[in-house]
Every structure is written in structure tokens, then in C-alpha cells.
């Protein structure tokens, strides 16, 4: 197994089989962590999973949350409902359920 990182500092992608992954699990995790590398795990040539650095996972979660917030803002803006109305409607709904 050859693990390299490119000169641009961007994330490389390495494809490996499940069998190779079993044999070299520690090396794979280290490569992902230290060399900022994504590893695609394949079964019979078909991708089934991906390993990538936890930092990237956290960044992706934050980006996804921001995207959802931005989309919701646009929906509220188009609907004409303001934040106070949403709060009041939500509060009333919660009180009904209690």
C-alpha cells in the first residue's frame, strides 16, 4: 500500500479493498489523520465506506448546519413570517401538547 499526499496540500483519495484495510488498519487511520487523506474502502471494486479525518467531519457538520440555516432564512423571508411569529406559534404548539 502506497500512501502519498500531493504538493498542493489538498486531500488525496486512496482506494483500498476491505481485505487490505483489515491488514493495514493502523496505517490507514494514521494516513487519514496525519496526511489529511480520504480513504475509500471497496468491496469487489465497489465503494462501500470512506475514512477521513475527524477535523474534516467537524467542518462538514458546521458547513451543513450553516447551509440549513441559510435555506430556512430564505423560506421565512419568502413566507413573510418573522422570527417573533415563529416563536409565538412554536410556543403555542408546545403549550397545547403539555
PDB file of N, CA and C in Angstrom:
ATOM      1  N   UNK A   1       0.846  -1.177   0.000  1.00  0.00           N
ATOM      2  CA  UNK A   1       0.000   0.000   0.000  1.00  0.00           C
ATOM      3  C   UNK A   1       0.885   1.232   0.000  1.00  0.00           C
ATOM      4  N   UNK A   2       0.670   2.132  -0.935  1.00  0.00           N
ATOM      5  CA  UNK A   2       1.424   3.373  -1.018  1.00  0.00           C
ATOM      6  C   UNK A   2       0.496   4.513  -0.667  1.00  0.00           C
ATOM      7  N   UNK A   3       0.884   5.301   0.316  1.00  0.00           N
ATOM      8  CA  UNK A   3       0.088   6.443   0.742  1.00  0.00           C
ATOM      9  C   UNK A   3       0.910   7.700   0.512  1.00  0.00           C
ATOM     10  N   UNK A   4       0.382   8.612  -0.281  1.00  0.00           N
ATOM     11  CA  UNK A   4       1.086   9.856  -0.564  1.00  0.00           C
ATOM     12  C   UNK A   4       0.165  11.031  -0.364  1.00  0.00           C
ATOM     13  N   UNK A   5       0.743  12.209  -0.198  1.00  0.00           N
ATOM     14  CA  UNK A   5      -0.007  13.452  -0.114  1.00  0.00           C
ATOM     15  C   UNK A   5       0.485  14.337  -1.238  1.00  0.00           C
ATOM     16  N   UNK A   6      -0.412  15.044  -1.881  1.00  0.00           N
ATOM     17  CA  UNK A   6       0.039  15.852  -3.011  1.00  0.00           C
ATOM     18  C   UNK A   6       0.659  17.168  -2.566  1.00  0.00           C
ATOM     19  N   UNK A   7       1.337  17.834  -3.487  1.00  0.00           N
ATOM     20  CA  UNK A   7       2.090  19.050  -3.175  1.00  0.00           C
ATOM     21  C   UNK A   7       1.192  20.244  -2.890  1.00  0.00           C
ATOM     22  N   UNK A   8      -0.041  20.237  -3.393  1.00  0.00           N
ATOM     23  CA  UNK A   8      -0.936  21.379  -3.230  1.00  0.00           C
ATOM     24  C   UNK A   8      -1.512  21.460  -1.826  1.00  0.00           C
ATOM     25  N   UNK A   9      -1.327  20.445  -1.028  1.00  0.00           N
ATOM     26  CA  UNK A   9      -1.872  20.437   0.323  1.00  0.00           C
ATOM     27  C   UNK A   9      -3.350  20.068   0.355  1.00  0.00           C
ATOM     28  N   UNK A  10      -3.911  19.675  -0.788  1.00  0.00           N
ATOM     29  CA  UNK A  10      -5.296  19.245  -0.808  1.00  0.00           C
ATOM     30  C   UNK A  10      -5.376  17.768  -0.449  1.00  0.00           C
ATOM     31  N   UNK A  11      -6.565  17.333  -0.180  1.00  0.00           N
ATOM     32  CA  UNK A  11      -6.733  15.969   0.272  1.00  0.00           C
ATOM     33  C   UNK A  11      -6.654  14.987  -0.894  1.00  0.00           C
ATOM     34  N   UNK A  12      -5.798  13.988  -0.739  1.00  0.00           N
ATOM     35  CA  UNK A  12      -5.712  12.888  -1.693  1.00  0.00           C
ATOM     36  C   UNK A  12      -6.782  11.859  -1.349  1.00  0.00           C
ATOM     37  N   UNK A  13      -7.144  11.083  -2.329  1.00  0.00           N
ATOM     38  CA  UNK A  13      -8.080   9.992  -2.109  1.00  0.00           C
ATOM     39  C   UNK A  13      -7.380   8.689  -2.451  1.00  0.00           C
ATOM     40  N   UNK A  14      -7.430   7.746  -1.523  1.00  0.00           N
ATOM     41  CA  UNK A  14      -6.810   6.446  -1.706  1.00  0.00           C
ATOM     42  C   UNK A  14      -7.908   5.392  -1.708  1.00  0.00           C
ATOM     43  N   UNK A  15      -7.911   4.526  -2.701  1.00  0.00           N
ATOM     44  CA  UNK A  15      -8.878   3.428  -2.775  1.00  0.00           C
ATOM     45  C   UNK A  15      -8.204   2.143  -2.315  1.00  0.00           C
ATOM     46  N   UNK A  16      -8.853   1.441  -1.385  1.00  0.00           N
ATOM     47  CA  UNK A  16      -8.324   0.151  -0.933  1.00  0.00           C
ATOM     48  C   UNK A  16      -9.471  -0.835  -0.761  1.00  0.00           C
ATOM     49  N   UNK A  17      -9.135  -2.101  -0.790  1.00  0.00           N
ATOM     50  CA  UNK A  17     -10.137  -3.145  -0.589  1.00  0.00           C
ATOM     51  C   UNK A  17     -10.340  -3.378   0.902  1.00  0.00           C
ATOM     52  N   UNK A  18     -11.429  -4.031   1.234  1.00  0.00           N
ATOM     53  CA  UNK A  18     -11.688  -4.375   2.631  1.00  0.00           C
ATOM     54  C   UNK A  18     -10.572  -5.265   3.172  1.00  0.00           C
ATOM     55  N   UNK A  19     -10.136  -6.222   2.373  1.00  0.00           N
ATOM     56  CA  UNK A  19      -9.066  -7.134   2.815  1.00  0.00           C
ATOM     57  C   UNK A  19      -7.795  -6.355   3.144  1.00  0.00           C
ATOM     58  N   UNK A  20      -7.418  -5.431   2.268  1.00  0.00           N
ATOM     59  CA  UNK A  20      -6.225  -4.621   2.525  1.00  0.00           C
ATOM     60  C   UNK A  20      -6.442  -3.744   3.750  1.00  0.00           C
ATOM     61  N   UNK A  21      -7.658  -3.246   3.907  1.00  0.00           N
ATOM     62  CA  UNK A  21      -7.987  -2.429   5.075  1.00  0.00           C
ATOM     63  C   UNK A  21      -7.824  -3.186   6.373  1.00  0.00           C
ATOM     64  N   UNK A  22      -8.215  -4.445   6.371  1.00  0.00           N
ATOM     65  CA  UNK A  22      -8.053  -5.267   7.567  1.00  0.00           C
ATOM     66  C   UNK A  22      -6.583  -5.436   7.933  1.00  0.00           C
ATOM     67  N   UNK A  23      -5.757  -5.652   6.913  1.00  0.00           N
ATOM     68  CA  UNK A  23      -4.322  -5.875   7.158  1.00  0.00           C
ATOM     69  C   UNK A  23      -3.613  -4.612   7.627  1.00  0.00           C
ATOM     70  N   UNK A  24      -4.033  -3.449   7.125  1.00  0.00           N
ATOM     71  CA  UNK A  24      -3.295  -2.205   7.358  1.00  0.00           C
ATOM     72  C   UNK A  24      -4.114  -1.133   8.062  1.00  0.00           C
ATOM     73  N   UNK A  25      -5.028  -1.550   8.933  1.00  0.00           N
ATOM     74  CA  UNK A  25      -5.943  -0.590   9.544  1.00  0.00           C
ATOM     75  C   UNK A  25      -5.217   0.567  10.243  1.00  0.00           C
ATOM     76  N   UNK A  26      -4.206   0.272  11.035  1.00  0.00           N
ATOM     77  CA  UNK A  26      -3.475   1.329  11.755  1.00  0.00           C
ATOM     78  C   UNK A  26      -2.825   2.314  10.789  1.00  0.00           C
ATOM     79  N   UNK A  27      -2.216   1.811   9.725  1.00  0.00           N
ATOM     80  CA  UNK A  27      -1.584   2.677   8.728  1.00  0.00           C
ATOM     81  C   UNK A  27      -2.613   3.551   8.029  1.00  0.00           C
ATOM     82  N   UNK A  28      -3.755   2.980   7.758  1.00  0.00           N
ATOM     83  CA  UNK A  28      -4.822   3.725   7.078  1.00  0.00           C
ATOM     84  C   UNK A  28      -5.318   4.871   7.947  1.00  0.00           C
ATOM     85  N   UNK A  29      -5.561   4.584   9.205  1.00  0.00           N
ATOM     86  CA  UNK A  29      -6.016   5.627  10.130  1.00  0.00           C
ATOM     87  C   UNK A  29      -4.952   6.707  10.270  1.00  0.00           C
ATOM     88  N   UNK A  30      -3.710   6.312  10.406  1.00  0.00           N
ATOM     89  CA  UNK A  30      -2.618   7.274  10.523  1.00  0.00           C
ATOM     90  C   UNK A  30      -2.533   8.154   9.275  1.00  0.00           C
ATOM     91  N   UNK A  31      -2.645   7.556   8.102  1.00  0.00           N
ATOM     92  CA  UNK A  31      -2.583   8.320   6.847  1.00  0.00           C
ATOM     93  C   UNK A  31      -3.725   9.327   6.778  1.00  0.00           C
ATOM     94  N   UNK A  32      -4.901   8.906   7.183  1.00  0.00           N
ATOM     95  CA  UNK A  32      -6.045   9.806   7.164  1.00  0.00           C
ATOM     96  C   UNK A  32      -5.818  10.982   8.107  1.00  0.00           C
ATOM     97  N   UNK A  33      -5.343  10.676   9.281  1.00  0.00           N
ATOM     98  CA  UNK A  33      -5.141  11.697  10.307  1.00  0.00           C
ATOM     99  C   UNK A  33      -3.960  12.614   9.996  1.00  0.00           C
ATOM    100  N   UNK A  34      -2.789  12.048   9.762  1.00  0.00           N
ATOM    101  CA  UNK A  34      -1.562  12.834   9.623  1.00  0.00           C
ATOM    102  C   UNK A  34      -1.398  13.456   8.241  1.00  0.00           C
ATOM    103  N   UNK A  35      -1.856  12.757   7.209  1.00  0.00           N
ATOM    104  CA  UNK A  35      -1.643  13.244   5.842  1.00  0.00           C
ATOM    105  C   UNK A  35      -2.904  13.834   5.231  1.00  0.00           C
ATOM    106  N   UNK A  36      -3.917  14.021   6.078  1.00  0.00           N
ATOM    107  CA  UNK A  36      -5.162  14.638   5.619  1.00  0.00           C
ATOM    108  C   UNK A  36      -5.686  13.912   4.385  1.00  0.00           C
ATOM    109  N   UNK A  37      -5.822  12.598   4.509  1.00  0.00           N
ATOM    110  CA  UNK A  37      -6.144  11.764   3.358  1.00  0.00           C
ATOM    111  C   UNK A  37      -7.486  11.064   3.535  1.00  0.00           C
ATOM    112  N   UNK A  38      -8.264  11.047   2.450  1.00  0.00           N
ATOM    113  CA  UNK A  38      -9.505  10.267   2.426  1.00  0.00           C
ATOM    114  C   UNK A  38      -9.179   8.882   1.908  1.00  0.00           C
ATOM    115  N   UNK A  39      -9.791   7.895   2.522  1.00  0.00           N
ATOM    116  CA  UNK A  39      -9.587   6.515   2.088  1.00  0.00           C
ATOM    117  C   UNK A  39     -10.950   5.915   1.783  1.00  0.00           C
ATOM    118  N   UNK A  40     -11.124   5.466   0.554  1.00  0.00           N
ATOM    119  CA  UNK A  40     -12.354   4.815   0.149  1.00  0.00           C
ATOM    120  C   UNK A  40     -12.145   3.306   0.279  1.00  0.00           C
ATOM    121  N   UNK A  41     -13.031   2.659   1.001  1.00  0.00           N
ATOM    122  CA  UNK A  41     -12.973   1.218   1.207  1.00  0.00           C
ATOM    123  C   UNK A  41     -13.939   0.574   0.208  1.00  0.00           C
ATOM    124  N   UNK A  42     -13.427  -0.417  -0.538  1.00  0.00           N
ATOM    125  CA  UNK A  42     -14.239  -1.062  -1.570  1.00  0.00           C
ATOM    126  C   UNK A  42     -14.394  -2.551  -1.317  1.00  0.00           C
ATOM    127  N   UNK A  43     -15.523  -3.059  -1.752  1.00  0.00           N
ATOM    128  CA  UNK A  43     -15.789  -4.500  -1.737  1.00  0.00           C
ATOM    129  C   UNK A  43     -16.041  -4.913  -3.189  1.00  0.00           C
ATOM    130  N   UNK A  44     -15.207  -5.785  -3.684  1.00  0.00           N
ATOM    131  CA  UNK A  44     -15.296  -6.241  -5.076  1.00  0.00           C
ATOM    132  C   UNK A  44     -15.309  -5.072  -6.064  1.00  0.00           C
ATOM    133  N   UNK A  45     -14.491  -4.075  -5.761  1.00  0.00           N
ATOM    134  CA  UNK A  45     -14.344  -2.928  -6.650  1.00  0.00           C
ATOM    135  C   UNK A  45     -15.399  -1.840  -6.513  1.00  0.00           C
ATOM    136  N   UNK A  46     -16.371  -2.039  -5.620  1.00  0.00           N
ATOM    137  CA  UNK A  46     -17.425  -1.040  -5.419  1.00  0.00           C
ATOM    138  C   UNK A  46     -17.239  -0.339  -4.083  1.00  0.00           C
ATOM    139  N   UNK A  47     -17.232   0.996  -4.053  1.00  0.00           N
ATOM    140  CA  UNK A  47     -17.077   1.734  -2.795  1.00  0.00           C
ATOM    141  C   UNK A  47     -18.201   1.412  -1.813  1.00  0.00           C
ATOM    142  N   UNK A  48     -17.823   1.158  -0.561  1.00  0.00           N
ATOM    143  CA  UNK A  48     -18.816   0.858   0.471  1.00  0.00           C
ATOM    144  C   UNK A  48     -18.690   1.763   1.699  1.00  0.00           C
ATOM    145  N   UNK A  49     -17.535   2.404   1.878  1.00  0.00           N
ATOM    146  CA  UNK A  49     -17.331   3.261   3.044  1.00  0.00           C
ATOM    147  C   UNK A  49     -16.186   4.224   2.758  1.00  0.00           C
ATOM    148  N   UNK A  50     -16.080   5.232   3.612  1.00  0.00           N
ATOM    149  CA  UNK A  50     -14.973   6.184   3.480  1.00  0.00           C
ATOM    150  C   UNK A  50     -14.448   6.523   4.873  1.00  0.00           C
ATOM    151  N   UNK A  51     -13.144   6.675   4.950  1.00  0.00           N
ATOM    152  CA  UNK A  51     -12.487   7.111   6.182  1.00  0.00           C
ATOM    153  C   UNK A  51     -11.863   8.464   5.865  1.00  0.00           C
ATOM    154  N   UNK A  52     -12.119   9.444   6.712  1.00  0.00           N
ATOM    155  CA  UNK A  52     -11.472  10.741   6.529  1.00  0.00           C
ATOM    156  C   UNK A  52     -11.257  11.388   7.888  1.00  0.00           C
ATOM    157  N   UNK A  53     -10.373  12.400   7.956  1.00  0.00           N
ATOM    158  CA  UNK A  53     -10.012  12.986   9.247  1.00  0.00           C
ATOM    159  C   UNK A  53     -11.215  13.539  10.004  1.00  0.00           C
ATOM    160  N   UNK A  54     -11.206  13.386  11.313  1.00  0.00           N
ATOM    161  CA  UNK A  54     -12.297  13.870  12.156  1.00  0.00           C
ATOM    162  C   UNK A  54     -12.472  15.377  12.015  1.00  0.00           C
ATOM    163  N   UNK A  55     -11.372  16.112  11.871  1.00  0.00           N
ATOM    164  CA  UNK A  55     -11.447  17.571  11.679  1.00  0.00           C
ATOM    165  C   UNK A  55     -12.312  17.922  10.477  1.00  0.00           C
ATOM    166  N   UNK A  56     -12.138  17.184   9.395  1.00  0.00           N
ATOM    167  CA  UNK A  56     -12.929  17.429   8.192  1.00  0.00           C
ATOM    168  C   UNK A  56     -14.404  17.122   8.465  1.00  0.00           C
ATOM    169  N   UNK A  57     -14.674  16.080   9.222  1.00  0.00           N
ATOM    170  CA  UNK A  57     -16.037  15.735   9.594  1.00  0.00           C
ATOM    171  C   UNK A  57     -16.685  16.887  10.351  1.00  0.00           C
ATOM    172  N   UNK A  58     -15.971  17.445  11.315  1.00  0.00           N
ATOM    173  CA  UNK A  58     -16.490  18.573  12.095  1.00  0.00           C
ATOM    174  C   UNK A  58     -16.751  19.787  11.195  1.00  0.00           C
ATOM    175  N   UNK A  59     -15.821  20.085  10.288  1.00  0.00           N
ATOM    176  CA  UNK A  59     -16.006  21.208   9.366  1.00  0.00           C
ATOM    177  C   UNK A  59     -17.234  20.983   8.497  1.00  0.00           C
ATOM    178  N   UNK A  60     -17.414  19.762   8.020  1.00  0.00           N
ATOM    179  CA  UNK A  60     -18.566  19.446   7.177  1.00  0.00           C
ATOM    180  C   UNK A  60     -19.877  19.601   7.936  1.00  0.00           C
ATOM    181  N   UNK A  61     -19.891  19.204   9.216  1.00  0.00           N
ATOM    182  CA  UNK A  61     -21.101  19.371  10.029  1.00  0.00           C
ATOM    183  C   UNK A  61     -21.455  20.850  10.154  1.00  0.00           C
ATOM    184  N   UNK A  62     -20.443  21.698  10.390  1.00  0.00           N
ATOM    185  CA  UNK A  62     -20.687  23.126  10.527  1.00  0.00           C
ATOM    186  C   UNK A  62     -21.176  23.734   9.212  1.00  0.00           C
ATOM    187  N   UNK A  63     -20.565  23.322   8.103  1.00  0.00           N
ATOM    188  CA  UNK A  63     -20.997  23.823   6.794  1.00  0.00           C
ATOM    189  C   UNK A  63     -22.431  23.423   6.510  1.00  0.00           C
ATOM    190  N   UNK A  64     -22.784  22.192   6.822  1.00  0.00           N
ATOM    191  CA  UNK A  64     -24.143  21.698   6.586  1.00  0.00           C
ATOM    192  C   UNK A  64     -25.146  22.460   7.446  1.00  0.00           C
ATOM    193  N   UNK A  65     -24.802  22.715   8.706  1.00  0.00           N
ATOM    194  CA  UNK A  65     -25.691  23.468   9.594  1.00  0.00           C
ATOM    195  C   UNK A  65     -25.896  24.887   9.067  1.00  0.00           C
ATOM    196  N   UNK A  66     -24.830  25.537   8.624  1.00  0.00           N
ATOM    197  CA  UNK A  66     -24.942  26.881   8.070  1.00  0.00           C
ATOM    198  C   UNK A  66     -25.813  26.893   6.822  1.00  0.00           C
ATOM    199  N   UNK A  67     -25.653  25.877   5.995  1.00  0.00           N
ATOM    200  CA  UNK A  67     -26.460  25.764   4.778  1.00  0.00           C
ATOM    201  C   UNK A  67     -27.945  25.648   5.132  1.00  0.00           C
ATOM    202  N   UNK A  68     -28.269  24.819   6.122  1.00  0.00           N
ATOM    203  CA  UNK A  68     -29.658  24.654   6.539  1.00  0.00           C
ATOM    204  C   UNK A  68     -30.232  25.951   7.095  1.00  0.00           C
ATOM    205  N   UNK A  69     -29.439  26.649   7.898  1.00  0.00           N
ATOM    206  CA  UNK A  69     -29.889  27.928   8.461  1.00  0.00           C
ATOM    207  C   UNK A  69     -30.161  28.926   7.342  1.00  0.00           C
ATOM    208  N   UNK A  70     -29.258  28.996   6.379  1.00  0.00           N
ATOM    209  CA  UNK A  70     -29.419  29.906   5.251  1.00  0.00           C
ATOM    210  C   UNK A  70     -30.681  29.574   4.455  1.00  0.00           C
ATOM    211  N   UNK A  71     -30.921  28.296   4.208  1.00  0.00           N
ATOM    212  CA  UNK A  71     -32.127  27.869   3.484  1.00  0.00           C
ATOM    213  C   UNK A  71     -33.388  28.233   4.259  1.00  0.00           C
ATOM    214  N   UNK A  72     -33.374  28.007   5.580  1.00  0.00           N
ATOM    215  CA  UNK A  72     -34.543  28.344   6.392  1.00  0.00           C
ATOM    216  C   UNK A  72     -34.798  29.843   6.424  1.00  0.00           C
ATOM    217  N   UNK A  73     -33.744  30.634   6.487  1.00  0.00           N
ATOM    218  CA  UNK A  73     -33.915  32.090   6.450  1.00  0.00           C
ATOM    219  C   UNK A  73     -34.617  32.512   5.176  1.00  0.00           C
ATOM    220  N   UNK A  74     -34.206  31.929   4.064  1.00  0.00           N
ATOM    221  CA  UNK A  74     -34.810  32.254   2.780  1.00  0.00           C
ATOM    222  C   UNK A  74     -36.290  31.859   2.758  1.00  0.00           C
ATOM    223  N   UNK A  75     -36.605  30.686   3.292  1.00  0.00           N
ATOM    224  CA  UNK A  75     -38.004  30.244   3.355  1.00  0.00           C
ATOM    225  C   UNK A  75     -38.838  31.206   4.195  1.00  0.00           C
ATOM    226  N   UNK A  76     -38.329  31.576   5.366  1.00  0.00           N
ATOM    227  CA  UNK A  76     -39.064  32.506   6.221  1.00  0.00           C
ATOM    228  C   UNK A  76     -39.222  33.874   5.555  1.00  0.00           C
ATOM    229  N   UNK A  77     -38.178  34.349   4.913  1.00  0.00           N
ATOM    230  CA  UNK A  77     -38.229  35.638   4.245  1.00  0.00           C
ATOM    231  C   UNK A  77     -39.305  35.630   3.151  1.00  0.00           C
ATOM    232  N   UNK A  78     -39.354  34.543   2.375  1.00  0.00           N
ATOM    233  CA  UNK A  78     -40.343  34.432   1.294  1.00  0.00           C
ATOM    234  C   UNK A  78     -41.763  34.295   1.825  1.00  0.00           C
ATOM    235  N   UNK A  79     -41.912  33.662   2.984  1.00  0.00           N
ATOM    236  CA  UNK A  79     -43.241  33.419   3.533  1.00  0.00           C
ATOM    237  C   UNK A  79     -43.830  34.661   4.202  1.00  0.00           C
ATOM    238  N   UNK A  80     -42.997  35.602   4.556  1.00  0.00           N
ATOM    239  CA  UNK A  80     -43.478  36.800   5.231  1.00  0.00           C
ATOM    240  C   UNK A  80     -43.623  36.624   6.731  1.00  0.00           C
ATOM    241  N   UNK A  81     -43.249  35.475   7.258  1.00  0.00           N
ATOM    242  CA  UNK A  81     -43.320  35.238   8.698  1.00  0.00           C
ATOM    243  C   UNK A  81     -42.030  35.728   9.337  1.00  0.00           C
ATOM    244  N   UNK A  82     -42.160  36.460  10.443  1.00  0.00           N
ATOM    245  CA  UNK A  82     -40.940  36.919  11.116  1.00  0.00           C
ATOM    246  C   UNK A  82     -40.617  36.036  12.312  1.00  0.00           C
ATOM    247  N   UNK A  83     -39.481  36.246  12.903  1.00  0.00           N
ATOM    248  CA  UNK A  83     -38.989  35.389  13.991  1.00  0.00           C
ATOM    249  C   UNK A  83     -39.926  35.405  15.197  1.00  0.00           C
ATOM    250  N   UNK A  84     -40.488  36.561  15.526  1.00  0.00           N
ATOM    251  CA  UNK A  84     -41.405  36.631  16.670  1.00  0.00           C
ATOM    252  C   UNK A  84     -42.656  35.792  16.435  1.00  0.00           C
ATOM    253  N   UNK A  85     -43.175  35.810  15.208  1.00  0.00           N
ATOM    254  CA  UNK A  85     -44.346  34.994  14.883  1.00  0.00           C
ATOM    255  C   UNK A  85     -44.019  33.504  14.999  1.00  0.00           C
ATOM    256  N   UNK A  86     -42.855  33.108  14.507  1.00  0.00           N
ATOM    257  CA  UNK A  86     -42.430  31.710  14.605  1.00  0.00           C
ATOM    258  C   UNK A  86     -42.326  31.307  16.076  1.00  0.00           C
ATOM    259  N   UNK A  87     -41.761  32.181  16.899  1.00  0.00           N
ATOM    260  CA  UNK A  87     -41.617  31.905  18.329  1.00  0.00           C
ATOM    261  C   UNK A  87     -42.988  31.724  18.978  1.00  0.00           C
ATOM    262  N   UNK A  88     -43.889  32.627  18.684  1.00  0.00           N
ATOM    263  CA  UNK A  88     -45.227  32.557  19.288  1.00  0.00           C
ATOM    264  C   UNK A  88     -45.976  31.300  18.843  1.00  0.00           C
ATOM    265  N   UNK A  89     -45.919  30.987  17.553  1.00  0.00           N
ATOM    266  CA  UNK A  89     -46.588  29.782  17.045  1.00  0.00           C
ATOM    267  C   UNK A  89     -45.995  28.543  17.708  1.00  0.00           C
ATOM    268  N   UNK A  90     -44.671  28.483  17.783  1.00  0.00           N
ATOM    269  CA  UNK A  90     -43.998  27.324  18.398  1.00  0.00           C
ATOM    270  C   UNK A  90     -44.373  27.195  19.867  1.00  0.00           C
ATOM    271  N   UNK A  91     -44.378  28.329  20.565  1.00  0.00           N
ATOM    272  CA  UNK A  91     -44.722  28.324  21.996  1.00  0.00           C
ATOM    273  C   UNK A  91     -46.151  27.836  22.199  1.00  0.00           C
ATOM    274  N   UNK A  92     -47.069  28.323  21.381  1.00  0.00           N
ATOM    275  CA  UNK A  92     -48.467  27.899  21.488  1.00  0.00           C
ATOM    276  C   UNK A  92     -48.612  26.401  21.222  1.00  0.00           C
ATOM    277  N   UNK A  93     -47.904  25.893  20.229  1.00  0.00           N
ATOM    278  CA  UNK A  93     -47.963  24.458  19.908  1.00  0.00           C
ATOM    279  C   UNK A  93     -47.428  23.615  21.060  1.00  0.00           C
ATOM    280  N   UNK A  94     -46.323  24.076  21.658  1.00  0.00           N
ATOM    281  CA  UNK A  94     -45.747  23.335  22.785  1.00  0.00           C
ATOM    282  C   UNK A  94     -46.692  23.336  23.987  1.00  0.00           C
ATOM    283  N   UNK A  95     -47.355  24.459  24.228  1.00  0.00           N
ATOM    284  CA  UNK A  95     -48.287  24.533  25.356  1.00  0.00           C
ATOM    285  C   UNK A  95     -49.489  23.628  25.153  1.00  0.00           C
ATOM    286  N   UNK A  96     -49.913  23.441  23.906  1.00  0.00           N
ATOM    287  CA  UNK A  96     -51.038  22.555  23.597  1.00  0.00           C
ATOM    288  C   UNK A  96     -50.721  21.111  23.965  1.00  0.00           C
ATOM    289  N   UNK A  97     -49.467  20.721  23.756  1.00  0.00           N
ATOM    290  CA  UNK A  97     -49.045  19.327  23.960  1.00  0.00           C
ATOM    291  C   UNK A  97     -48.844  19.001  25.438  1.00  0.00           C
ATOM    292  N   UNK A  98     -48.730  20.008  26.255  1.00  0.00           N
ATOM    293  CA  UNK A  98     -48.461  19.770  27.687  1.00  0.00           C
ATOM    294  C   UNK A  98     -49.713  19.495  28.447  1.00  0.00           C
TER     295      UNK A  98
END
